[in-house]
Amino acid sequence: MEQRPASYVVALTGGVAAGKSAAERCFATHGIRVYDADRAAREVVEPGTPGLAAIVEAFGAEALGADGRMDRAAMRRRVFGEPAARLQLEAIVHPLVRAWLQASAAADTGPYCLLAIPLLAENIAHYRWVDRILLVDAPESVQLERLVQRDGIDLALAQRMLAQQASRAQRLALADDVLDNGGDQAALAGAVEILHRRYLALAAERRQAAH
């Protein structure tokens, strides 16, 4: 069983283009640290890390670019359409990401911290140690509109991207709190402030119970 960090930990998740980054920025204005799974995925395969060594051992030197870093474009091509290779890569990277996030949460000195985990619903079995799950939610029509505008893609591709993720219903079923990000920035900031006060209270209760 994975050990629960002493700090109060909120996992923040949401579908593509739901507005997770905007929510993270709102929490940051309250001095709350956000530890991002995407950043972790980059750091655990930096040159000199056991993660990169394991990737080279599994996939060969062609996994590296001229700068000695993992060649992400080459690896994407390698695992695209090849489920066994994708699973092999994930088996190396995902445990390292989880360990990075857990270590970051354990070292955090704030009243609580956030872990930004886009694919939480798909990997929830590995994150039972978090205290609370916050879903940044937006209607699928809003997600599609944002995706088309943000990435300059057509609607059909945006729809396929949404279909590849856990469904909105699956994410809602996991969430302890839901942050509606279907409106404007002011509404989001106000909702985050309410959640911030709630998490401060929950973190305080956790500290009192520990003493």
Protein backbone atom coordinates (compact mmCIF):
# COMPACT_ATOMS: atom_id res chain seq x y z
CA MET A 1 0.00 0.00 0.00
CA GLU A 2 1.40 3.41 -0.98
CA GLN A 3 2.20 5.75 1.88
CA ARG A 4 0.06 8.86 2.21
CA PRO A 5 2.08 12.12 2.31
CA ALA A 6 1.83 14.18 5.49
CA SER A 7 0.71 17.18 3.42
CA TYR A 8 -2.92 17.45 2.31
CA VAL A 9 -2.99 16.49 -1.37
CA VAL A 10 -5.60 17.46 -3.96
CA ALA A 11 -5.39 15.79 -7.37
CA LEU A 12 -6.55 18.13 -10.12
CA THR A 13 -7.75 16.59 -13.36
CA GLY A 14 -9.97 17.24 -16.35
CA GLY A 15 -10.43 16.44 -19.99
CA VAL A 16 -8.46 18.06 -22.79
CA ALA A 17 -9.22 21.81 -23.13
CA ALA A 18 -11.36 21.81 -19.98
CA GLY A 19 -9.21 24.62 -18.61
CA LYS A 20 -6.91 22.90 -16.12
CA SER A 21 -4.07 25.37 -16.67
CA ALA A 22 -6.37 28.33 -15.98
CA ALA A 23 -7.48 26.68 -12.74
CA GLU A 24 -3.86 26.02 -11.75
CA ARG A 25 -3.02 29.70 -12.23
CA CYS A 26 -5.93 30.69 -9.99
CA PHE A 27 -4.71 28.42 -7.19
CA ALA A 28 -1.17 29.75 -7.63
CA THR A 29 -2.42 33.27 -6.84
CA HIS A 30 -3.26 31.92 -3.37
CA GLY A 31 0.30 30.66 -2.94
CA ILE A 32 -0.54 27.00 -3.57
CA ARG A 33 2.06 24.87 -5.33
CA VAL A 34 1.03 22.77 -8.32
CA TYR A 35 3.09 19.71 -9.25
CA ASP A 36 2.43 18.73 -12.84
CA ALA A 37 2.51 15.16 -14.19
CA ASP A 38 3.53 16.42 -17.64
CA ARG A 39 6.55 18.19 -16.14
CA ALA A 40 7.37 15.04 -14.18
CA ALA A 41 7.25 12.98 -17.38
CA ARG A 42 9.93 15.23 -18.86
CA GLU A 43 12.16 15.33 -15.79
CA VAL A 44 12.24 11.59 -15.14
CA VAL A 45 13.79 10.96 -18.59
CA GLU A 46 16.39 13.73 -18.55
CA PRO A 47 19.97 12.71 -19.48
CA GLY A 48 21.63 10.79 -16.68
CA THR A 49 18.40 9.52 -15.15
CA PRO A 50 17.54 5.84 -14.64
CA GLY A 51 14.40 6.52 -16.68
CA LEU A 52 16.31 7.45 -19.82
CA ALA A 53 18.71 4.55 -19.33
CA ALA A 54 15.75 2.15 -19.15
CA ILE A 55 14.27 3.60 -22.35
CA VAL A 56 17.57 3.19 -24.21
CA GLU A 57 17.86 -0.37 -22.93
CA ALA A 58 14.32 -1.15 -24.13
CA PHE A 59 14.27 0.73 -27.44
CA GLY A 60 17.91 1.16 -28.42
CA ALA A 61 20.07 4.19 -29.12
CA GLU A 62 17.61 5.40 -31.78
CA ALA A 63 15.44 6.58 -28.87
CA LEU A 64 17.98 9.39 -28.36
CA GLY A 65 18.38 12.61 -30.29
CA ALA A 66 21.70 14.23 -31.19
CA ASP A 67 21.63 16.17 -27.90
CA GLY A 68 21.51 12.98 -25.82
CA ARG A 69 17.93 13.55 -24.76
CA MET A 70 15.00 11.32 -25.57
CA ASP A 71 13.86 12.00 -29.12
CA ARG A 72 10.18 12.53 -28.37
CA ALA A 73 9.13 12.78 -32.00
CA ALA A 74 10.89 9.51 -32.84
CA MET A 75 9.38 7.77 -29.83
CA ARG A 76 5.90 9.01 -30.72
CA ARG A 77 6.35 7.52 -34.20
CA ARG A 78 7.68 4.31 -32.67
CA VAL A 79 4.76 3.73 -30.34
CA PHE A 80 2.01 5.09 -32.60
CA GLY A 81 -0.08 2.19 -33.76
CA GLU A 82 2.12 -0.29 -31.88
CA PRO A 83 0.33 -1.04 -28.59
CA ALA A 84 3.06 -3.30 -27.21
CA ALA A 85 5.71 -0.58 -27.61
CA ARG A 86 3.43 2.04 -26.08
CA LEU A 87 2.74 -0.18 -23.09
CA GLN A 88 6.46 -0.86 -22.71
CA LEU A 89 7.21 2.88 -22.68
CA GLU A 90 4.40 3.59 -20.22
CA ALA A 91 5.62 0.79 -17.94
CA ILE A 92 8.94 2.65 -17.66
CA VAL A 93 7.71 6.23 -17.38
CA HIS A 94 4.46 6.07 -15.41
CA PRO A 95 5.86 4.58 -12.16
CA LEU A 96 8.63 7.20 -12.21
CA VAL A 97 6.05 9.97 -12.66
CA ARG A 98 4.00 8.66 -9.75
CA ALA A 99 7.08 8.52 -7.54
CA TRP A 100 8.03 12.10 -8.57
CA LEU A 101 4.56 13.39 -7.71
CA GLN A 102 4.45 11.58 -4.38
CA ALA A 103 7.92 12.84 -3.42
CA SER A 104 6.92 16.39 -4.38
CA ALA A 105 3.79 16.19 -2.26
CA ALA A 106 5.75 14.77 0.66
CA ALA A 107 8.25 17.65 0.48
CA ASP A 108 5.63 20.40 0.09
CA THR A 109 5.54 22.89 2.97
CA GLY A 110 2.29 24.68 2.14
CA PRO A 111 -1.09 24.11 3.79
CA TYR A 112 -1.98 21.83 0.89
CA CYS A 113 -0.76 21.17 -2.64
CA LEU A 114 -2.20 20.24 -6.02
CA LEU A 115 -1.11 17.44 -8.31
CA ALA A 116 -2.10 18.12 -11.93
CA ILE A 117 -2.80 14.69 -13.43
CA PRO A 118 -4.61 14.84 -16.79
CA LEU A 119 -5.07 11.06 -17.07
CA LEU A 120 -6.11 10.48 -13.46
CA ALA A 121 -9.33 8.63 -14.34
CA GLU A 122 -7.38 6.22 -16.54
CA ASN A 123 -4.87 5.52 -13.72
CA ILE A 124 -6.91 6.01 -10.56
CA ALA A 125 -5.83 2.69 -9.05
CA HIS A 126 -2.33 4.13 -8.60
CA TYR A 127 -3.46 7.34 -6.87
CA ARG A 128 -5.56 6.09 -3.98
CA TRP A 129 -3.15 7.92 -1.66
CA VAL A 130 -4.40 11.41 -2.60
CA ASP A 131 -6.84 13.05 -0.19
CA ARG A 132 -9.24 14.61 -2.65
CA ILE A 133 -9.98 14.79 -6.36
CA LEU A 134 -10.89 18.06 -8.06
CA LEU A 135 -12.32 17.88 -11.56
CA VAL A 136 -12.09 20.91 -13.82
CA ASP A 137 -15.19 20.45 -15.91
CA ALA A 138 -16.59 22.08 -19.02
CA PRO A 139 -19.33 21.01 -21.43
CA GLU A 140 -18.01 18.93 -24.30
CA SER A 141 -19.22 21.57 -26.75
CA VAL A 142 -16.96 24.10 -24.98
CA GLN A 143 -14.02 21.68 -24.98
CA LEU A 144 -14.42 21.10 -28.72
CA GLU A 145 -14.61 24.83 -29.44
CA ARG A 146 -11.49 25.51 -27.37
CA LEU A 147 -9.59 22.64 -28.99
CA VAL A 148 -10.38 23.82 -32.51
CA GLN A 149 -9.29 27.37 -31.65
CA ARG A 150 -6.27 26.45 -29.53
CA ASP A 151 -4.73 23.79 -31.77
CA GLY A 152 -5.98 24.99 -35.14
CA ILE A 153 -7.56 21.61 -35.91
CA ASP A 154 -10.85 20.62 -37.47
CA LEU A 155 -13.88 19.49 -35.50
CA ALA A 156 -13.54 15.84 -36.51
CA LEU A 157 -10.02 15.59 -35.07
CA ALA A 158 -11.11 17.41 -31.89
CA GLN A 159 -13.92 14.90 -31.47
CA ARG A 160 -11.48 11.99 -31.89
CA MET A 161 -9.17 13.49 -29.26
CA LEU A 162 -12.04 13.68 -26.76
CA ALA A 163 -13.12 10.13 -27.58
CA GLN A 164 -9.64 8.77 -26.73
CA GLN A 165 -9.88 9.97 -23.12
CA ALA A 166 -11.99 8.81 -20.20
CA SER A 167 -15.53 10.04 -20.58
CA ARG A 168 -16.87 13.07 -18.76
CA ALA A 169 -19.20 10.76 -16.83
CA GLN A 170 -16.23 8.62 -15.66
CA ARG A 171 -14.39 11.71 -14.39
CA LEU A 172 -17.47 13.08 -12.66
CA ALA A 173 -17.96 9.76 -10.87
CA LEU A 174 -14.46 10.03 -9.34
CA ALA A 175 -14.56 13.69 -8.34
CA ASP A 176 -14.98 14.95 -4.78
CA ASP A 177 -15.26 18.50 -6.08
CA VAL A 178 -16.21 19.84 -9.51
CA LEU A 179 -14.92 23.19 -10.75
CA ASP A 180 -17.17 24.47 -13.53
CA ASN A 181 -15.00 26.14 -16.16
CA GLY A 182 -17.64 26.69 -18.79
CA GLY A 183 -17.79 30.43 -18.09
CA ASP A 184 -15.40 33.37 -17.89
CA GLN A 185 -12.18 33.92 -15.95
CA ALA A 186 -13.84 35.94 -13.18
CA ALA A 187 -16.29 33.12 -12.45
CA LEU A 188 -13.45 30.61 -12.36
CA ALA A 189 -11.40 32.74 -9.96
CA GLY A 190 -14.37 33.09 -7.63
CA ALA A 191 -15.02 29.35 -7.62
CA VAL A 192 -11.34 28.63 -6.93
CA GLU A 193 -11.36 31.02 -3.97
CA ILE A 194 -14.26 29.08 -2.42
CA LEU A 195 -12.44 25.78 -2.97
CA HIS A 196 -9.22 27.25 -1.57
CA ARG A 197 -10.97 28.10 1.70
CA ARG A 198 -12.47 24.60 1.83
CA TYR A 199 -9.10 22.96 1.32
CA LEU A 200 -7.47 25.14 3.96
CA ALA A 201 -10.11 23.94 6.43
CA LEU A 202 -9.70 20.30 5.43
CA ALA A 203 -5.92 20.55 5.70
CA ALA A 204 -6.24 22.10 9.17
CA GLU A 205 -8.54 19.26 10.26
CA ARG A 206 -5.99 16.76 8.96
CA ARG A 207 -3.18 18.41 10.96
CA GLN A 208 -5.25 18.49 14.14
CA ALA A 209 -6.16 14.83 13.76
CA ALA A 210 -2.48 13.96 13.39
CA HIS A 211 -1.58 15.55 16.76
